[in-house]
Amino acid sequence: AAMAARCGPAARFHRVHGTNVRLDASRTRATRVESFANGLCFSQEPLAPGQIFLVEIEEKEGGWCGHLRVGLTAHDPQSLEVVPEYSLPDLVDMGDTWVFAITRSHNRVVADEEEAPARARCPPWEPFLLIEQVRIPRDVLVGRSRPGRYSHILDDLYRTNVLPATARRSRIGVLYAPQPDGTADMHIVINGEDMGPSARHLPAARPLYAVVDVFASTKSVRVIPVEYGLPSLQTLCRLVIQKHIVHRLAIDGLDLPAPLKSFCKHE
């Protein structure tokens, strides 16, 4: 929690962004209004060590090839004479920028053999995601489909807390974890799962801004604030209930108040 004390100021987008981006009044929602490029956005402030910048995919747009791209840059957005058209390769080619392209699958970084045990997938009922010395409340990291008449079809996704990485309501975050040698590793988190160090030896002593490229089939994203601390009793109860049910509709048969049932089903 101490490593990520500065979780407030960066939980919105910077005023500097791509020419096709429109921000809402709170600067927490970014929409690409035309074409498939010029959708670059940045965090309002540099991230603190261990602080995750988390976005949820709100709208998709068919007809384009490619998806959201996220990463970190040591360039102050305010210093850019022109915001590049693409994060890959334009912004990366400027140097001191590390960007990861999100795909429908295969986002997990191949771990070294000695790292494999530490990279085991976190059980869906585990309240925290642990990335090295950083502990992040896991519940807010997980994207879930909108409950509806036929949403019980997605019970397996709810039970395992997994949505396709590029799906609407998927949640994707980026952070950096300091290393003993004074550098940092960049981690991408997709729906509560750490994809591993997607870039190493970042200059941890320099300010690092989050990069979010609202690219191609990703039309709109929203910043999700993350509070570092203990999960609420309500959240802990939900995790225990979800751990012991077969599917989400089974919650309706439990002897619980209706508001708690809805909360347990993420409605």
C-alpha atoms as a PDB file:
ATOM      1  CA  ALA A   1       0.000   0.000   0.000  1.00  0.00           C
ATOM      2  CA  ALA A   2       2.852   2.391   0.787  1.00  0.00           C
ATOM      3  CA  MET A   3       4.380   1.805  -2.647  1.00  0.00           C
ATOM      4  CA  ALA A   4       1.173   2.909  -4.330  1.00  0.00           C
ATOM      5  CA  ALA A   5       0.080   5.739  -2.080  1.00  0.00           C
ATOM      6  CA  ARG A   6      -0.261   8.094  -5.040  1.00  0.00           C
ATOM      7  CA  CYS A   7      -3.231   6.325  -6.576  1.00  0.00           C
ATOM      8  CA  GLY A   8      -5.452   9.385  -7.021  1.00  0.00           C
ATOM      9  CA  PRO A   9      -3.916  11.905  -9.450  1.00  0.00           C
ATOM     10  CA  ALA A  10      -3.025   9.362 -12.153  1.00  0.00           C
ATOM     11  CA  ALA A  11      -6.514   7.810 -12.221  1.00  0.00           C
ATOM     12  CA  ARG A  12      -7.542   9.933 -15.192  1.00  0.00           C
ATOM     13  CA  PHE A  13      -6.250  10.707 -18.660  1.00  0.00           C
ATOM     14  CA  HIS A  14      -3.835  13.496 -19.529  1.00  0.00           C
ATOM     15  CA  ARG A  15      -5.115  16.522 -21.433  1.00  0.00           C
ATOM     16  CA  VAL A  16      -2.587  15.687 -24.169  1.00  0.00           C
ATOM     17  CA  HIS A  17      -3.848  12.893 -26.427  1.00  0.00           C
ATOM     18  CA  GLY A  18      -4.204  11.733 -30.022  1.00  0.00           C
ATOM     19  CA  THR A  19      -6.173  13.825 -32.515  1.00  0.00           C
ATOM     20  CA  ASN A  20      -8.978  11.252 -32.822  1.00  0.00           C
ATOM     21  CA  VAL A  21      -9.536  10.970 -29.052  1.00  0.00           C
ATOM     22  CA  ARG A  22     -12.365  12.654 -27.186  1.00  0.00           C
ATOM     23  CA  LEU A  23     -12.326  12.687 -23.384  1.00  0.00           C
ATOM     24  CA  ASP A  24     -15.378  13.120 -21.194  1.00  0.00           C
ATOM     25  CA  ALA A  25     -15.553  15.965 -18.671  1.00  0.00           C
ATOM     26  CA  SER A  26     -13.936  13.892 -15.920  1.00  0.00           C
ATOM     27  CA  ARG A  27     -11.156  12.702 -18.258  1.00  0.00           C
ATOM     28  CA  THR A  28     -11.827   9.122 -17.174  1.00  0.00           C
ATOM     29  CA  ARG A  29     -13.381   7.976 -20.469  1.00  0.00           C
ATOM     30  CA  ALA A  30     -11.533   8.087 -23.801  1.00  0.00           C
ATOM     31  CA  THR A  31     -13.302   7.468 -27.113  1.00  0.00           C
ATOM     32  CA  ARG A  32     -11.763   7.302 -30.572  1.00  0.00           C
ATOM     33  CA  VAL A  33     -14.246   9.198 -32.698  1.00  0.00           C
ATOM     34  CA  GLU A  34     -13.004   8.285 -36.171  1.00  0.00           C
ATOM     35  CA  SER A  35     -10.586   6.135 -38.148  1.00  0.00           C
ATOM     36  CA  PHE A  36      -8.559   3.428 -36.360  1.00  0.00           C
ATOM     37  CA  ALA A  37      -5.439   5.352 -35.272  1.00  0.00           C
ATOM     38  CA  ASN A  38      -4.457   8.590 -33.492  1.00  0.00           C
ATOM     39  CA  GLY A  39      -5.952   7.128 -30.332  1.00  0.00           C
ATOM     40  CA  LEU A  40      -3.007   7.618 -27.971  1.00  0.00           C
ATOM     41  CA  CYS A  41      -3.754   8.537 -24.339  1.00  0.00           C
ATOM     42  CA  PHE A  42      -1.567   8.970 -21.264  1.00  0.00           C
ATOM     43  CA  SER A  43      -2.061   8.990 -17.510  1.00  0.00           C
ATOM     44  CA  GLN A  44      -2.509  12.436 -15.988  1.00  0.00           C
ATOM     45  CA  GLU A  45       0.547  11.966 -13.746  1.00  0.00           C
ATOM     46  CA  PRO A  46       3.523   9.595 -13.640  1.00  0.00           C
ATOM     47  CA  LEU A  47       2.747   6.332 -11.889  1.00  0.00           C
ATOM     48  CA  ALA A  48       4.158   5.528  -8.477  1.00  0.00           C
ATOM     49  CA  PRO A  49       6.079   2.251  -8.077  1.00  0.00           C
ATOM     50  CA  GLY A  50       3.569  -0.590  -7.928  1.00  0.00           C
ATOM     51  CA  GLN A  51       0.639   1.658  -8.888  1.00  0.00           C
ATOM     52  CA  ILE A  52      -1.592   0.122 -11.538  1.00  0.00           C
ATOM     53  CA  PHE A  53      -3.272   2.198 -14.243  1.00  0.00           C
ATOM     54  CA  LEU A  54      -6.416   0.194 -15.000  1.00  0.00           C
ATOM     55  CA  VAL A  55      -8.893   0.653 -17.856  1.00  0.00           C
ATOM     56  CA  GLU A  56     -12.054  -1.172 -18.867  1.00  0.00           C
ATOM     57  CA  ILE A  57     -13.015  -1.656 -22.517  1.00  0.00           C
ATOM     58  CA  GLU A  58     -16.419   0.016 -22.907  1.00  0.00           C
ATOM     59  CA  GLU A  59     -17.033  -0.036 -26.661  1.00  0.00           C
ATOM     60  CA  LYS A  60     -15.779  -2.076 -29.584  1.00  0.00           C
ATOM     61  CA  GLU A  61     -15.863  -1.226 -33.288  1.00  0.00           C
ATOM     62  CA  GLY A  62     -15.982  -3.900 -35.970  1.00  0.00           C
ATOM     63  CA  GLY A  63     -14.129  -3.822 -39.258  1.00  0.00           C
ATOM     64  CA  TRP A  64     -10.642  -3.151 -37.876  1.00  0.00           C
ATOM     65  CA  CYS A  65      -7.724  -5.481 -37.274  1.00  0.00           C
ATOM     66  CA  GLY A  66      -5.968  -5.041 -33.919  1.00  0.00           C
ATOM     67  CA  HIS A  67      -6.879  -4.184 -30.348  1.00  0.00           C
ATOM     68  CA  LEU A  68      -5.927  -2.088 -27.331  1.00  0.00           C
ATOM     69  CA  ARG A  69      -2.258  -1.373 -26.644  1.00  0.00           C
ATOM     70  CA  VAL A  70      -0.893  -0.429 -23.225  1.00  0.00           C
ATOM     71  CA  GLY A  71       2.486   0.348 -21.713  1.00  0.00           C
ATOM     72  CA  LEU A  72       4.712   2.956 -20.119  1.00  0.00           C
ATOM     73  CA  THR A  73       6.725   5.915 -21.364  1.00  0.00           C
ATOM     74  CA  ALA A  74       9.364   8.149 -19.817  1.00  0.00           C
ATOM     75  CA  HIS A  75       8.259  11.011 -22.114  1.00  0.00           C
ATOM     76  CA  ASP A  76       6.226  13.720 -20.408  1.00  0.00           C
ATOM     77  CA  PRO A  77       3.111  14.040 -22.654  1.00  0.00           C
ATOM     78  CA  GLN A  78       3.274  17.810 -22.212  1.00  0.00           C
ATOM     79  CA  SER A  79       6.699  17.829 -23.871  1.00  0.00           C
ATOM     80  CA  LEU A  80       5.518  16.130 -27.079  1.00  0.00           C
ATOM     81  CA  GLU A  81       5.403  18.522 -30.014  1.00  0.00           C
ATOM     82  CA  VAL A  82       3.055  16.140 -31.806  1.00  0.00           C
ATOM     83  CA  VAL A  83       1.321  13.097 -30.359  1.00  0.00           C
ATOM     84  CA  PRO A  84       2.366  10.130 -32.534  1.00  0.00           C
ATOM     85  CA  GLU A  85      -0.243   8.400 -34.674  1.00  0.00           C
ATOM     86  CA  TYR A  86       0.580   4.976 -33.235  1.00  0.00           C
ATOM     87  CA  SER A  87       2.097   3.686 -30.005  1.00  0.00           C
ATOM     88  CA  LEU A  88       3.619   0.855 -32.048  1.00  0.00           C
ATOM     89  CA  PRO A  89       5.924   1.663 -33.695  1.00  0.00           C
ATOM     90  CA  ASP A  90       5.869   5.499 -33.629  1.00  0.00           C
ATOM     91  CA  LEU A  91       6.015   6.247 -29.883  1.00  0.00           C
ATOM     92  CA  VAL A  92       8.265   3.251 -29.173  1.00  0.00           C
ATOM     93  CA  ASP A  93      10.674   4.393 -31.892  1.00  0.00           C
ATOM     94  CA  MET A  94      11.133   7.652 -29.960  1.00  0.00           C
ATOM     95  CA  GLY A  95      12.857   5.595 -27.256  1.00  0.00           C
ATOM     96  CA  ASP A  96      12.178   5.233 -23.529  1.00  0.00           C
ATOM     97  CA  THR A  97       8.766   3.730 -24.269  1.00  0.00           C
ATOM     98  CA  TRP A  98       7.542   0.171 -23.738  1.00  0.00           C
ATOM     99  CA  VAL A  99       4.197  -0.899 -25.216  1.00  0.00           C
ATOM    100  CA  PHE A 100       2.401  -4.256 -25.235  1.00  0.00           C
ATOM    101  CA  ALA A 101      -0.251  -5.118 -27.852  1.00  0.00           C
ATOM    102  CA  ILE A 102      -3.248  -6.920 -26.331  1.00  0.00           C
ATOM    103  CA  THR A 103      -4.539  -9.859 -28.379  1.00  0.00           C
ATOM    104  CA  ARG A 104      -7.540 -12.175 -28.055  1.00  0.00           C
ATOM    105  CA  SER A 105      -5.235 -14.747 -26.457  1.00  0.00           C
ATOM    106  CA  HIS A 106      -1.541 -15.521 -25.932  1.00  0.00           C
ATOM    107  CA  ASN A 107      -0.886 -12.369 -23.901  1.00  0.00           C
ATOM    108  CA  ARG A 108       1.075 -14.238 -21.269  1.00  0.00           C
ATOM    109  CA  VAL A 109       4.798 -13.587 -21.421  1.00  0.00           C
ATOM    110  CA  VAL A 110       6.844 -16.791 -21.591  1.00  0.00           C
ATOM    111  CA  ALA A 111       8.536 -17.116 -18.212  1.00  0.00           C
ATOM    112  CA  ASP A 112      12.042 -18.335 -17.604  1.00  0.00           C
ATOM    113  CA  GLU A 113      12.084 -21.864 -16.245  1.00  0.00           C
ATOM    114  CA  GLU A 114      13.119 -20.731 -12.790  1.00  0.00           C
ATOM    115  CA  GLU A 115      10.278 -18.190 -12.670  1.00  0.00           C
ATOM    116  CA  ALA A 116       7.500 -20.629 -13.532  1.00  0.00           C
ATOM    117  CA  PRO A 117       6.524 -21.627  -9.935  1.00  0.00           C
ATOM    118  CA  ALA A 118       6.107 -17.988  -8.897  1.00  0.00           C
ATOM    119  CA  ARG A 119       3.947 -17.310 -11.942  1.00  0.00           C
ATOM    120  CA  ALA A 120       1.197 -19.800 -11.086  1.00  0.00           C
ATOM    121  CA  ARG A 121      -2.275 -18.463 -11.767  1.00  0.00           C
ATOM    122  CA  CYS A 122      -3.994 -16.819  -8.840  1.00  0.00           C
ATOM    123  CA  PRO A 123      -7.157 -18.665  -7.644  1.00  0.00           C
ATOM    124  CA  PRO A 124     -10.311 -16.611  -8.320  1.00  0.00           C
ATOM    125  CA  TRP A 125     -11.122 -16.460  -4.601  1.00  0.00           C
ATOM    126  CA  GLU A 126      -7.747 -15.008  -3.625  1.00  0.00           C
ATOM    127  CA  PRO A 127      -8.466 -11.395  -2.499  1.00  0.00           C
ATOM    128  CA  PHE A 128      -5.095  -9.980  -3.591  1.00  0.00           C
ATOM    129  CA  LEU A 129      -2.986 -10.172  -6.721  1.00  0.00           C
ATOM    130  CA  LEU A 130       0.663 -10.369  -5.683  1.00  0.00           C
ATOM    131  CA  ILE A 131       3.270  -9.046  -8.134  1.00  0.00           C
ATOM    132  CA  GLU A 132       6.637  -9.285  -6.441  1.00  0.00           C
ATOM    133  CA  GLN A 133       6.220  -6.993  -3.399  1.00  0.00           C
ATOM    134  CA  VAL A 134       3.062  -5.300  -4.696  1.00  0.00           C
ATOM    135  CA  ARG A 135      -0.345  -6.414  -3.382  1.00  0.00           C
ATOM    136  CA  ILE A 136      -3.391  -5.204  -5.319  1.00  0.00           C
ATOM    137  CA  PRO A 137      -7.022  -5.884  -4.343  1.00  0.00           C
ATOM    138  CA  ARG A 138      -7.961  -8.415  -7.012  1.00  0.00           C
ATOM    139  CA  ASP A 139     -11.725  -7.963  -7.178  1.00  0.00           C
ATOM    140  CA  VAL A 140     -11.583  -4.569  -8.912  1.00  0.00           C
ATOM    141  CA  LEU A 141      -9.102  -5.892 -11.492  1.00  0.00           C
ATOM    142  CA  VAL A 142     -11.486  -8.477 -12.923  1.00  0.00           C
ATOM    143  CA  GLY A 143     -13.757  -7.593 -15.842  1.00  0.00           C
ATOM    144  CA  ARG A 144     -17.196  -9.170 -16.011  1.00  0.00           C
ATOM    145  CA  SER A 145     -19.885  -9.193 -18.668  1.00  0.00           C
ATOM    146  CA  ARG A 146     -23.045  -7.213 -18.091  1.00  0.00           C
ATOM    147  CA  PRO A 147     -25.628  -9.385 -16.309  1.00  0.00           C
ATOM    148  CA  GLY A 148     -28.603 -10.127 -18.532  1.00  0.00           C
ATOM    149  CA  ARG A 149     -31.238 -12.660 -19.439  1.00  0.00           C
ATOM    150  CA  TYR A 150     -28.786 -15.133 -20.947  1.00  0.00           C
ATOM    151  CA  SER A 151     -25.666 -14.168 -19.029  1.00  0.00           C
ATOM    152  CA  HIS A 152     -25.764 -17.502 -17.167  1.00  0.00           C
ATOM    153  CA  ILE A 153     -24.130 -18.911 -20.316  1.00  0.00           C
ATOM    154  CA  LEU A 154     -20.990 -17.195 -19.064  1.00  0.00           C
ATOM    155  CA  ASP A 155     -21.063 -18.888 -15.650  1.00  0.00           C
ATOM    156  CA  ASP A 156     -17.725 -20.607 -16.260  1.00  0.00           C
ATOM    157  CA  LEU A 157     -16.198 -17.221 -17.001  1.00  0.00           C
ATOM    158  CA  TYR A 158     -17.647 -15.790 -13.804  1.00  0.00           C
ATOM    159  CA  ARG A 159     -16.493 -18.775 -11.770  1.00  0.00           C
ATOM    160  CA  THR A 160     -12.929 -18.562 -13.018  1.00  0.00           C
ATOM    161  CA  ASN A 161     -12.990 -14.742 -13.171  1.00  0.00           C
ATOM    162  CA  VAL A 162     -11.908 -14.739 -16.804  1.00  0.00           C
ATOM    163  CA  LEU A 163     -13.135 -12.792 -19.805  1.00  0.00           C
ATOM    164  CA  PRO A 164     -11.451 -12.720 -23.217  1.00  0.00           C
ATOM    165  CA  ALA A 165      -8.758 -10.052 -23.109  1.00  0.00           C
ATOM    166  CA  THR A 166     -10.258  -7.972 -25.914  1.00  0.00           C
ATOM    167  CA  ALA A 167     -13.917  -8.390 -24.926  1.00  0.00           C
ATOM    168  CA  ARG A 168     -16.164  -5.550 -23.891  1.00  0.00           C
ATOM    169  CA  ARG A 169     -15.846  -4.979 -20.097  1.00  0.00           C
ATOM    170  CA  SER A 170     -12.441  -6.641 -19.971  1.00  0.00           C
ATOM    171  CA  ARG A 171     -10.107  -4.811 -17.572  1.00  0.00           C
ATOM    172  CA  ILE A 172      -6.460  -4.247 -18.472  1.00  0.00           C
ATOM    173  CA  GLY A 173      -3.817  -2.548 -16.367  1.00  0.00           C
ATOM    174  CA  VAL A 174      -0.136  -1.664 -16.446  1.00  0.00           C
ATOM    175  CA  LEU A 175       2.344  -1.074 -13.618  1.00  0.00           C
ATOM    176  CA  TYR A 176       6.049  -1.245 -12.919  1.00  0.00           C
ATOM    177  CA  ALA A 177       7.744  -3.183 -10.122  1.00  0.00           C
ATOM    178  CA  PRO A 178      11.143  -1.908  -8.874  1.00  0.00           C
ATOM    179  CA  GLN A 179      14.085  -4.325  -8.935  1.00  0.00           C
ATOM    180  CA  PRO A 180      17.138  -4.580  -6.637  1.00  0.00           C
ATOM    181  CA  ASP A 181      19.421  -3.183  -9.361  1.00  0.00           C
ATOM    182  CA  GLY A 182      17.499   0.115  -9.450  1.00  0.00           C
ATOM    183  CA  THR A 183      15.576  -0.664 -12.648  1.00  0.00           C
ATOM    184  CA  ALA A 184      11.982  -1.849 -12.960  1.00  0.00           C
ATOM    185  CA  ASP A 185       9.921  -4.508 -14.735  1.00  0.00           C
ATOM    186  CA  MET A 186       6.709  -3.605 -16.553  1.00  0.00           C
ATOM    187  CA  HIS A 187       3.752  -5.895 -15.857  1.00  0.00           C
ATOM    188  CA  ILE A 188       0.471  -6.140 -17.735  1.00  0.00           C
ATOM    189  CA  VAL A 189      -2.561  -7.357 -15.763  1.00  0.00           C
ATOM    190  CA  ILE A 190      -5.592  -8.710 -17.639  1.00  0.00           C
ATOM    191  CA  ASN A 191      -8.767  -9.446 -15.680  1.00  0.00           C
ATOM    192  CA  GLY A 192      -6.875  -9.987 -12.457  1.00  0.00           C
ATOM    193  CA  GLU A 193      -4.102 -12.129 -13.928  1.00  0.00           C
ATOM    194  CA  ASP A 194      -0.498 -11.013 -14.155  1.00  0.00           C
ATOM    195  CA  MET A 195       0.863 -11.602 -17.658  1.00  0.00           C
ATOM    196  CA  GLY A 196       4.434 -11.424 -16.385  1.00  0.00           C
ATOM    197  CA  PRO A 197       7.279  -8.961 -17.034  1.00  0.00           C
ATOM    198  CA  SER A 198       6.605  -7.756 -20.582  1.00  0.00           C
ATOM    199  CA  ALA A 199       9.581  -5.357 -20.421  1.00  0.00           C
ATOM    200  CA  ARG A 200      12.611  -5.263 -18.158  1.00  0.00           C
ATOM    201  CA  HIS A 201      15.265  -2.739 -17.076  1.00  0.00           C
ATOM    202  CA  LEU A 202      13.003   0.310 -17.194  1.00  0.00           C
ATOM    203  CA  PRO A 203      14.575   3.461 -15.666  1.00  0.00           C
ATOM    204  CA  ALA A 204      12.711   3.430 -12.344  1.00  0.00           C
ATOM    205  CA  ALA A 205      14.344   6.711 -11.275  1.00  0.00           C
ATOM    206  CA  ARG A 206      12.595   8.589 -14.102  1.00  0.00           C
ATOM    207  CA  PRO A 207       8.886   9.528 -14.146  1.00  0.00           C
ATOM    208  CA  LEU A 208       6.927   6.854 -16.027  1.00  0.00           C
ATOM    209  CA  TYR A 209       3.509   7.622 -17.512  1.00  0.00           C
ATOM    210  CA  ALA A 210       0.941   5.012 -18.501  1.00  0.00           C
ATOM    211  CA  VAL A 211       0.241   4.695 -22.227  1.00  0.00           C
ATOM    212  CA  VAL A 212      -3.172   3.584 -23.499  1.00  0.00           C
ATOM    213  CA  ASP A 213      -3.624   3.339 -27.259  1.00  0.00           C
ATOM    214  CA  VAL A 214      -7.341   3.148 -28.130  1.00  0.00           C
ATOM    215  CA  PHE A 215      -6.542   1.333 -31.338  1.00  0.00           C
ATOM    216  CA  ALA A 216      -8.531  -0.344 -34.133  1.00  0.00           C
ATOM    217  CA  SER A 217     -11.359  -2.543 -32.779  1.00  0.00           C
ATOM    218  CA  THR A 218     -11.182  -0.903 -29.341  1.00  0.00           C
ATOM    219  CA  LYS A 219     -13.452   2.132 -29.539  1.00  0.00           C
ATOM    220  CA  SER A 220     -13.731   3.425 -25.971  1.00  0.00           C
ATOM    221  CA  VAL A 221     -12.117   2.767 -22.584  1.00  0.00           C
ATOM    222  CA  ARG A 222     -12.774   3.985 -19.051  1.00  0.00           C
ATOM    223  CA  VAL A 223     -10.293   4.441 -16.197  1.00  0.00           C
ATOM    224  CA  ILE A 224     -11.066   2.266 -13.163  1.00  0.00           C
ATOM    225  CA  PRO A 225      -9.783   3.716  -9.864  1.00  0.00           C
ATOM    226  CA  VAL A 226      -7.959   1.209  -7.660  1.00  0.00           C
ATOM    227  CA  GLU A 227      -7.786   1.730  -3.920  1.00  0.00           C
ATOM    228  CA  TYR A 228      -4.922  -0.041  -2.192  1.00  0.00           C
ATOM    229  CA  GLY A 229      -5.878  -1.487   1.162  1.00  0.00           C
ATOM    230  CA  LEU A 230      -7.802  -4.280   2.804  1.00  0.00           C
ATOM    231  CA  PRO A 231     -10.826  -5.652   0.899  1.00  0.00           C
ATOM    232  CA  SER A 232     -14.185  -4.850   2.458  1.00  0.00           C
ATOM    233  CA  LEU A 233     -16.081  -7.452   4.517  1.00  0.00           C
ATOM    234  CA  GLN A 234     -18.711  -7.445   1.757  1.00  0.00           C
ATOM    235  CA  THR A 235     -16.105  -8.325  -0.863  1.00  0.00           C
ATOM    236  CA  LEU A 236     -14.620 -11.072   1.313  1.00  0.00           C
ATOM    237  CA  CYS A 237     -18.094 -12.585   1.790  1.00  0.00           C
ATOM    238  CA  ARG A 238     -18.656 -12.545  -1.951  1.00  0.00           C
ATOM    239  CA  LEU A 239     -15.346 -14.314  -2.597  1.00  0.00           C
ATOM    240  CA  VAL A 240     -16.213 -17.058  -0.092  1.00  0.00           C
ATOM    241  CA  ILE A 241     -19.687 -17.541  -1.582  1.00  0.00           C
ATOM    242  CA  GLN A 242     -18.379 -17.680  -5.142  1.00  0.00           C
ATOM    243  CA  LYS A 243     -15.769 -20.231  -4.097  1.00  0.00           C
ATOM    244  CA  HIS A 244     -18.451 -22.688  -2.969  1.00  0.00           C
ATOM    245  CA  ILE A 245     -21.110 -22.422  -5.677  1.00  0.00           C
ATOM    246  CA  VAL A 246     -21.356 -24.332  -8.948  1.00  0.00           C
ATOM    247  CA  HIS A 247     -22.546 -21.382 -11.035  1.00  0.00           C
ATOM    248  CA  ARG A 248     -23.769 -17.861 -10.541  1.00  0.00           C
ATOM    249  CA  LEU A 249     -27.510 -18.665 -10.732  1.00  0.00           C
ATOM    250  CA  ALA A 250     -27.126 -20.938  -7.693  1.00  0.00           C
ATOM    251  CA  ILE A 251     -26.819 -17.762  -5.613  1.00  0.00           C
ATOM    252  CA  ASP A 252     -30.573 -17.225  -6.061  1.00  0.00           C
ATOM    253  CA  GLY A 253     -31.252 -20.316  -3.926  1.00  0.00           C
ATOM    254  CA  LEU A 254     -29.182 -19.112  -0.983  1.00  0.00           C
ATOM    255  CA  ASP A 255     -30.793 -17.724   2.169  1.00  0.00           C
ATOM    256  CA  LEU A 256     -29.356 -14.246   1.693  1.00  0.00           C
ATOM    257  CA  PRO A 257     -30.812 -10.733   1.421  1.00  0.00           C
ATOM    258  CA  ALA A 258     -31.618  -9.757  -2.161  1.00  0.00           C
ATOM    259  CA  PRO A 259     -29.046  -6.888  -2.303  1.00  0.00           C
ATOM    260  CA  LEU A 260     -26.274  -9.286  -1.193  1.00  0.00           C
ATOM    261  CA  LYS A 261     -27.355 -11.821  -3.840  1.00  0.00           C
ATOM    262  CA  SER A 262     -27.100  -9.145  -6.524  1.00  0.00           C
ATOM    263  CA  PHE A 263     -23.713  -8.045  -5.207  1.00  0.00           C
ATOM    264  CA  CYS A 264     -22.453 -11.655  -5.281  1.00  0.00           C
ATOM    265  CA  LYS A 265     -23.569 -11.948  -8.904  1.00  0.00           C
ATOM    266  CA  HIS A 266     -21.871  -8.629  -9.786  1.00  0.00           C
ATOM    267  CA  GLU A 267     -25.215  -7.041 -10.697  1.00  0.00           C
END
